[in-house]
PDB file of N, CA and C in Angstrom:
ATOM      1  N   MET A   1     -11.723  23.182   5.402  1.00  0.00           N
ATOM      2  CA  MET A   1     -10.116  23.121   5.695  1.00  0.00           C
ATOM      3  C   MET A   1      -9.613  24.331   4.841  1.00  0.00           C
ATOM      4  N   SER A   2      -8.790  25.137   5.603  1.00  0.00           N
ATOM      5  CA  SER A   2      -8.206  26.189   4.806  1.00  0.00           C
ATOM      6  C   SER A   2      -6.931  25.847   4.299  1.00  0.00           C
ATOM      7  N   GLU A   3      -6.562  26.328   3.275  1.00  0.00           N
ATOM      8  CA  GLU A   3      -5.383  26.221   2.776  1.00  0.00           C
ATOM      9  C   GLU A   3      -4.434  27.268   3.346  1.00  0.00           C
ATOM     10  N   ASN A   4      -3.025  27.198   3.438  1.00  0.00           N
ATOM     11  CA  ASN A   4      -2.184  28.047   3.619  1.00  0.00           C
ATOM     12  C   ASN A   4      -1.727  28.234   2.066  1.00  0.00           C
ATOM     13  N   ASN A   5      -1.772  29.560   1.654  1.00  0.00           N
ATOM     14  CA  ASN A   5      -1.438  30.133   0.471  1.00  0.00           C
ATOM     15  C   ASN A   5      -0.101  30.775   0.636  1.00  0.00           C
ATOM     16  N   LYS A   6       0.424  30.625   1.610  1.00  0.00           N
ATOM     17  CA  LYS A   6       1.920  31.041   1.658  1.00  0.00           C
ATOM     18  C   LYS A   6       2.727  30.272   0.836  1.00  0.00           C
ATOM     19  N   ARG A   7       3.980  30.933  -0.004  1.00  0.00           N
ATOM     20  CA  ARG A   7       4.745  30.155  -0.963  1.00  0.00           C
ATOM     21  C   ARG A   7       6.034  29.582   0.107  1.00  0.00           C
ATOM     22  N   VAL A   8       6.474  28.630  -0.488  1.00  0.00           N
ATOM     23  CA  VAL A   8       7.586  27.530   0.554  1.00  0.00           C
ATOM     24  C   VAL A   8       8.818  28.267  -0.514  1.00  0.00           C
ATOM     25  N   HIS A   9       9.817  28.962   0.295  1.00  0.00           N
ATOM     26  CA  HIS A   9      10.973  28.730  -0.544  1.00  0.00           C
ATOM     27  C   HIS A   9      11.564  27.963  -1.124  1.00  0.00           C
ATOM     28  N   TRP A  10      12.230  28.029  -2.305  1.00  0.00           N
ATOM     29  CA  TRP A  10      12.683  26.557  -2.862  1.00  0.00           C
ATOM     30  C   TRP A  10      13.651  26.051  -2.049  1.00  0.00           C
ATOM     31  N   LEU A  11      14.540  26.503  -1.184  1.00  0.00           N
ATOM     32  CA  LEU A  11      15.624  25.846  -0.361  1.00  0.00           C
ATOM     33  C   LEU A  11      14.866  24.912   0.367  1.00  0.00           C
ATOM     34  N   LEU A  12      13.693  25.371   0.932  1.00  0.00           N
ATOM     35  CA  LEU A  12      12.903  24.798   2.230  1.00  0.00           C
ATOM     36  C   LEU A  12      12.196  23.775   1.503  1.00  0.00           C
ATOM     37  N   TYR A  13      11.814  23.827   0.306  1.00  0.00           N
ATOM     38  CA  TYR A  13      10.847  22.939  -0.200  1.00  0.00           C
ATOM     39  C   TYR A  13      11.034  21.561   0.061  1.00  0.00           C
ATOM     40  N   PRO A  14      12.180  20.859  -0.152  1.00  0.00           N
ATOM     41  CA  PRO A  14      12.462  19.561   0.419  1.00  0.00           C
ATOM     42  C   PRO A  14      12.114  19.010   1.849  1.00  0.00           C
ATOM     43  N   PHE A  15      12.334  19.771   2.754  1.00  0.00           N
ATOM     44  CA  PHE A  15      11.872  19.729   4.174  1.00  0.00           C
ATOM     45  C   PHE A  15      10.342  19.874   4.385  1.00  0.00           C
ATOM     46  N   TRP A  16       9.871  20.820   3.621  1.00  0.00           N
ATOM     47  CA  TRP A  16       8.312  20.943   3.609  1.00  0.00           C
ATOM     48  C   TRP A  16       7.753  19.685   3.147  1.00  0.00           C
ATOM     49  N   LEU A  17       8.258  19.258   1.905  1.00  0.00           N
ATOM     50  CA  LEU A  17       7.718  17.934   1.481  1.00  0.00           C
ATOM     51  C   LEU A  17       7.583  16.678   2.412  1.00  0.00           C
ATOM     52  N   ILE A  18       8.897  16.519   3.143  1.00  0.00           N
ATOM     53  CA  ILE A  18       8.986  15.420   4.173  1.00  0.00           C
ATOM     54  C   ILE A  18       8.096  15.784   5.149  1.00  0.00           C
ATOM     55  N   TRP A  19       7.883  17.169   5.680  1.00  0.00           N
ATOM     56  CA  TRP A  19       6.800  17.357   6.801  1.00  0.00           C
ATOM     57  C   TRP A  19       5.481  16.816   6.485  1.00  0.00           C
ATOM     58  N   ARG A  20       5.109  17.314   5.051  1.00  0.00           N
ATOM     59  CA  ARG A  20       3.945  16.800   4.746  1.00  0.00           C
ATOM     60  C   ARG A  20       3.522  15.286   4.569  1.00  0.00           C
ATOM     61  N   LEU A  21       4.666  14.584   4.298  1.00  0.00           N
ATOM     62  CA  LEU A  21       4.572  13.165   4.403  1.00  0.00           C
ATOM     63  C   LEU A  21       4.659  12.609   5.676  1.00  0.00           C
ATOM     64  N   VAL A  22       5.199  13.209   6.662  1.00  0.00           N
ATOM     65  CA  VAL A  22       4.961  12.582   7.990  1.00  0.00           C
ATOM     66  C   VAL A  22       3.891  12.945   8.453  1.00  0.00           C
ATOM     67  N   ILE A  23       3.139  14.299   8.203  1.00  0.00           N
ATOM     68  CA  ILE A  23       1.696  14.460   8.812  1.00  0.00           C
ATOM     69  C   ILE A  23       0.741  13.592   8.193  1.00  0.00           C
ATOM     70  N   TRP A  24       0.952  13.340   6.858  1.00  0.00           N
ATOM     71  CA  TRP A  24       0.056  12.429   6.285  1.00  0.00           C
ATOM     72  C   TRP A  24       0.177  11.010   6.838  1.00  0.00           C
ATOM     73  N   ILE A  25       1.345  10.483   7.070  1.00  0.00           N
ATOM     74  CA  ILE A  25       1.359   9.065   7.782  1.00  0.00           C
ATOM     75  C   ILE A  25       0.740   9.053   9.017  1.00  0.00           C
ATOM     76  N   ILE A  26       1.011  10.159   9.918  1.00  0.00           N
ATOM     77  CA  ILE A  26       0.389  10.078  11.142  1.00  0.00           C
ATOM     78  C   ILE A  26      -1.158  10.247  11.095  1.00  0.00           C
ATOM     79  N   GLU A  27      -1.751  10.869  10.166  1.00  0.00           N
ATOM     80  CA  GLU A  27      -3.235  10.984  10.041  1.00  0.00           C
ATOM     81  C   GLU A  27      -3.856   9.602   9.589  1.00  0.00           C
ATOM     82  N   ALA A  28      -2.769   9.023   8.677  1.00  0.00           N
ATOM     83  CA  ALA A  28      -3.323   7.794   8.174  1.00  0.00           C
ATOM     84  C   ALA A  28      -3.281   6.488   9.311  1.00  0.00           C
ATOM     85  N   THR A  29      -2.363   6.567   9.990  1.00  0.00           N
ATOM     86  CA  THR A  29      -2.247   5.585  11.022  1.00  0.00           C
ATOM     87  C   THR A  29      -3.171   5.773  12.230  1.00  0.00           C
ATOM     88  N   GLY A  30      -3.484   7.281  12.548  1.00  0.00           N
ATOM     89  CA  GLY A  30      -4.405   7.587  13.373  1.00  0.00           C
ATOM     90  C   GLY A  30      -5.990   7.197  13.215  1.00  0.00           C
ATOM     91  N   ARG A  31      -6.130   7.205  11.893  1.00  0.00           N
ATOM     92  CA  ARG A  31      -7.558   7.062  11.603  1.00  0.00           C
ATOM     93  C   ARG A  31      -7.459   5.261  11.553  1.00  0.00           C
ATOM     94  N   LEU A  32      -6.616   4.479  11.156  1.00  0.00           N
ATOM     95  CA  LEU A  32      -6.285   3.243  10.934  1.00  0.00           C
ATOM     96  C   LEU A  32      -6.728   2.663  12.518  1.00  0.00           C
ATOM     97  N   VAL A  33      -5.900   3.273  13.271  1.00  0.00           N
ATOM     98  CA  VAL A  33      -5.981   2.714  14.830  1.00  0.00           C
ATOM     99  C   VAL A  33      -7.392   3.053  15.402  1.00  0.00           C
ATOM    100  N   GLY A  34      -8.184   4.147  15.183  1.00  0.00           N
ATOM    101  CA  GLY A  34      -9.570   4.486  15.181  1.00  0.00           C
ATOM    102  C   GLY A  34     -10.494   3.314  14.892  1.00  0.00           C
ATOM    103  N   ALA A  35     -10.144   3.182  13.708  1.00  0.00           N
ATOM    104  CA  ALA A  35     -11.115   2.263  13.024  1.00  0.00           C
ATOM    105  C   ALA A  35     -10.919   0.866  13.504  1.00  0.00           C
ATOM    106  N   ILE A  36      -9.919   0.399  13.937  1.00  0.00           N
ATOM    107  CA  ILE A  36      -9.505  -0.929  14.529  1.00  0.00           C
ATOM    108  C   ILE A  36     -10.069  -1.046  15.935  1.00  0.00           C
ATOM    109  N   LEU A  37     -10.002   0.250  16.752  1.00  0.00           N
ATOM    110  CA  LEU A  37     -10.405   0.372  18.010  1.00  0.00           C
ATOM    111  C   LEU A  37     -11.780   0.055  17.837  1.00  0.00           C
ATOM    112  N   GLY A  38     -12.491   0.900  17.091  1.00  0.00           N
ATOM    113  CA  GLY A  38     -14.071   0.828  16.945  1.00  0.00           C
ATOM    114  C   GLY A  38     -14.439  -0.432  16.680  1.00  0.00           C
ATOM    115  N   LEU A  39     -13.624  -1.136  15.916  1.00  0.00           N
ATOM    116  CA  LEU A  39     -14.543  -2.745  15.502  1.00  0.00           C
ATOM    117  C   LEU A  39     -14.149  -3.466  16.645  1.00  0.00           C
ATOM    118  N   VAL A  40     -13.129  -3.310  17.367  1.00  0.00           N
ATOM    119  CA  VAL A  40     -12.964  -4.136  18.769  1.00  0.00           C
ATOM    120  C   VAL A  40     -14.038  -3.743  19.675  1.00  0.00           C
ATOM    121  N   LEU A  41     -14.060  -2.376  20.009  1.00  0.00           N
ATOM    122  CA  LEU A  41     -15.280  -2.178  20.943  1.00  0.00           C
ATOM    123  C   LEU A  41     -16.497  -2.822  20.542  1.00  0.00           C
ATOM    124  N   MET A  42     -16.855  -2.849  19.411  1.00  0.00           N
ATOM    125  CA  MET A  42     -18.138  -3.179  18.791  1.00  0.00           C
ATOM    126  C   MET A  42     -18.168  -4.669  18.993  1.00  0.00           C
ATOM    127  N   ILE A  43     -17.145  -5.505  18.839  1.00  0.00           N
ATOM    128  CA  ILE A  43     -17.010  -7.006  19.013  1.00  0.00           C
ATOM    129  C   ILE A  43     -17.285  -7.435  20.528  1.00  0.00           C
ATOM    130  N   VAL A  44     -16.631  -6.642  21.228  1.00  0.00           N
ATOM    131  CA  VAL A  44     -16.594  -6.642  22.688  1.00  0.00           C
ATOM    132  C   VAL A  44     -18.083  -6.356  23.259  1.00  0.00           C
ATOM    133  N   GLY A  45     -18.849  -5.481  22.655  1.00  0.00           N
ATOM    134  CA  GLY A  45     -19.964  -4.986  23.041  1.00  0.00           C
ATOM    135  C   GLY A  45     -21.051  -6.005  22.894  1.00  0.00           C
ATOM    136  N   VAL A  46     -20.966  -6.622  21.577  1.00  0.00           N
ATOM    137  CA  VAL A  46     -21.720  -7.859  21.036  1.00  0.00           C
ATOM    138  C   VAL A  46     -21.615  -8.945  22.198  1.00  0.00           C
ATOM    139  N   VAL A  47     -20.357  -9.298  22.265  1.00  0.00           N
ATOM    140  CA  VAL A  47     -20.192 -10.369  23.233  1.00  0.00           C
ATOM    141  C   VAL A  47     -20.694 -10.149  24.691  1.00  0.00           C
ATOM    142  N   LEU A  48     -20.616  -8.826  25.230  1.00  0.00           N
ATOM    143  CA  LEU A  48     -21.322  -8.597  26.684  1.00  0.00           C
ATOM    144  C   LEU A  48     -22.700  -8.558  26.431  1.00  0.00           C
ATOM    145  N   THR A  49     -23.258  -8.218  25.205  1.00  0.00           N
ATOM    146  CA  THR A  49     -24.861  -8.058  25.006  1.00  0.00           C
ATOM    147  C   THR A  49     -25.311  -9.493  25.050  1.00  0.00           C
ATOM    148  N   ILE A  50     -24.593 -10.495  24.889  1.00  0.00           N
ATOM    149  CA  ILE A  50     -25.152 -11.886  24.898  1.00  0.00           C
ATOM    150  C   ILE A  50     -25.780 -12.182  26.186  1.00  0.00           C
ATOM    151  N   THR A  51     -24.873 -11.660  27.278  1.00  0.00           N
ATOM    152  CA  THR A  51     -25.190 -12.083  28.650  1.00  0.00           C
ATOM    153  C   THR A  51     -26.223 -11.000  29.214  1.00  0.00           C
ATOM    154  N   VAL A  52     -27.397 -11.334  29.857  1.00  0.00           N
ATOM    155  CA  VAL A  52     -28.285 -10.133  30.187  1.00  0.00           C
ATOM    156  C   VAL A  52     -27.528  -9.299  30.941  1.00  0.00           C
ATOM    157  N   VAL A  53     -26.722  -9.566  31.974  1.00  0.00           N
ATOM    158  CA  VAL A  53     -26.106  -8.523  32.801  1.00  0.00           C
ATOM    159  C   VAL A  53     -25.118  -7.474  32.305  1.00  0.00           C
ATOM    160  N   GLY A  54     -24.434  -8.159  31.213  1.00  0.00           N
ATOM    161  CA  GLY A  54     -23.424  -7.417  30.285  1.00  0.00           C
ATOM    162  C   GLY A  54     -24.203  -6.603  29.219  1.00  0.00           C
ATOM    163  N   ALA A  55     -25.404  -6.683  29.255  1.00  0.00           N
ATOM    164  CA  ALA A  55     -26.139  -5.758  28.207  1.00  0.00           C
ATOM    165  C   ALA A  55     -26.197  -4.275  28.699  1.00  0.00           C
ATOM    166  N   ILE A  56     -26.104  -4.101  29.956  1.00  0.00           N
ATOM    167  CA  ILE A  56     -25.709  -2.665  30.693  1.00  0.00           C
ATOM    168  C   ILE A  56     -24.661  -1.996  30.005  1.00  0.00           C
ATOM    169  N   VAL A  57     -23.427  -2.533  29.829  1.00  0.00           N
ATOM    170  CA  VAL A  57     -22.175  -2.181  29.393  1.00  0.00           C
ATOM    171  C   VAL A  57     -22.000  -2.310  28.058  1.00  0.00           C
ATOM    172  N   GLY A  58     -22.552  -3.642  27.422  1.00  0.00           N
ATOM    173  CA  GLY A  58     -22.420  -3.789  25.791  1.00  0.00           C
ATOM    174  C   GLY A  58     -23.137  -2.781  24.861  1.00  0.00           C
ATOM    175  N   ILE A  59     -24.420  -2.440  25.050  1.00  0.00           N
ATOM    176  CA  ILE A  59     -24.931  -1.545  24.258  1.00  0.00           C
ATOM    177  C   ILE A  59     -24.482  -0.474  24.064  1.00  0.00           C
ATOM    178  N   PRO A  60     -23.976   0.268  25.315  1.00  0.00           N
ATOM    179  CA  PRO A  60     -22.939   1.414  24.792  1.00  0.00           C
ATOM    180  C   PRO A  60     -21.677   1.287  24.253  1.00  0.00           C
ATOM    181  N   LEU A  61     -21.100   0.107  24.485  1.00  0.00           N
ATOM    182  CA  LEU A  61     -19.649  -0.225  23.912  1.00  0.00           C
ATOM    183  C   LEU A  61     -20.084  -0.164  22.585  1.00  0.00           C
ATOM    184  N   ILE A  62     -21.228  -0.776  22.195  1.00  0.00           N
ATOM    185  CA  ILE A  62     -21.418  -1.133  20.521  1.00  0.00           C
ATOM    186  C   ILE A  62     -21.898   0.207  19.940  1.00  0.00           C
ATOM    187  N   ILE A  63     -22.537   1.363  20.660  1.00  0.00           N
ATOM    188  CA  ILE A  63     -22.827   2.457  20.188  1.00  0.00           C
ATOM    189  C   ILE A  63     -21.540   3.376  20.007  1.00  0.00           C
ATOM    190  N   PHE A  64     -20.672   3.194  20.961  1.00  0.00           N
ATOM    191  CA  PHE A  64     -19.448   4.022  20.886  1.00  0.00           C
ATOM    192  C   PHE A  64     -18.478   3.677  19.995  1.00  0.00           C
ATOM    193  N   GLY A  65     -18.239   2.159  19.927  1.00  0.00           N
ATOM    194  CA  GLY A  65     -17.519   1.708  18.704  1.00  0.00           C
ATOM    195  C   GLY A  65     -17.808   1.917  17.364  1.00  0.00           C
ATOM    196  N   PHE A  66     -19.170   1.776  16.999  1.00  0.00           N
ATOM    197  CA  PHE A  66     -20.015   2.255  15.634  1.00  0.00           C
ATOM    198  C   PHE A  66     -19.503   3.879  15.603  1.00  0.00           C
ATOM    199  N   MET A  67     -19.736   4.559  16.586  1.00  0.00           N
ATOM    200  CA  MET A  67     -19.440   6.002  16.329  1.00  0.00           C
ATOM    201  C   MET A  67     -18.112   6.231  16.128  1.00  0.00           C
ATOM    202  N   LEU A  68     -17.214   5.546  16.634  1.00  0.00           N
ATOM    203  CA  LEU A  68     -15.415   5.638  16.561  1.00  0.00           C
ATOM    204  C   LEU A  68     -15.281   5.187  14.935  1.00  0.00           C
ATOM    205  N   THR A  69     -15.675   4.215  14.553  1.00  0.00           N
ATOM    206  CA  THR A  69     -15.585   3.572  13.330  1.00  0.00           C
ATOM    207  C   THR A  69     -15.977   4.591  12.366  1.00  0.00           C
ATOM    208  N   VAL A  70     -17.190   5.261  12.547  1.00  0.00           N
ATOM    209  CA  VAL A  70     -17.749   6.200  11.406  1.00  0.00           C
ATOM    210  C   VAL A  70     -16.667   7.154  11.429  1.00  0.00           C
ATOM    211  N   ARG A  71     -16.469   7.963  12.641  1.00  0.00           N
ATOM    212  CA  ARG A  71     -15.568   9.080  12.740  1.00  0.00           C
ATOM    213  C   ARG A  71     -14.026   8.841  11.806  1.00  0.00           C
ATOM    214  N   SER A  72     -13.913   7.391  12.110  1.00  0.00           N
ATOM    215  CA  SER A  72     -12.674   7.112  11.517  1.00  0.00           C
ATOM    216  C   SER A  72     -12.556   7.032   9.787  1.00  0.00           C
ATOM    217  N   ILE A  73     -13.546   6.792   9.396  1.00  0.00           N
ATOM    218  CA  ILE A  73     -14.138   6.674   8.158  1.00  0.00           C
ATOM    219  C   ILE A  73     -13.977   7.808   7.316  1.00  0.00           C
ATOM    220  N   PHE A  74     -14.962   9.039   7.995  1.00  0.00           N
ATOM    221  CA  PHE A  74     -15.053  10.142   7.455  1.00  0.00           C
ATOM    222  C   PHE A  74     -14.145  10.986   8.092  1.00  0.00           C
TER     223      PHE A  74
END
């Protein structure tokens, strides 16, 4: 991640801080939603895998949910 080395004018600094806070909140909620969605997909995949016919759809759901959860953590 490249840092922006431009200096913020002191009059605009409060707005810059508010903007950075909003960006941080959006990133945090996005990660949380991704992790929850990944866990839900894994649970649905396990439930579908219990049935033999549902295993065709359940196993890819488990894999996709796991990958989504891992992506949300890192």
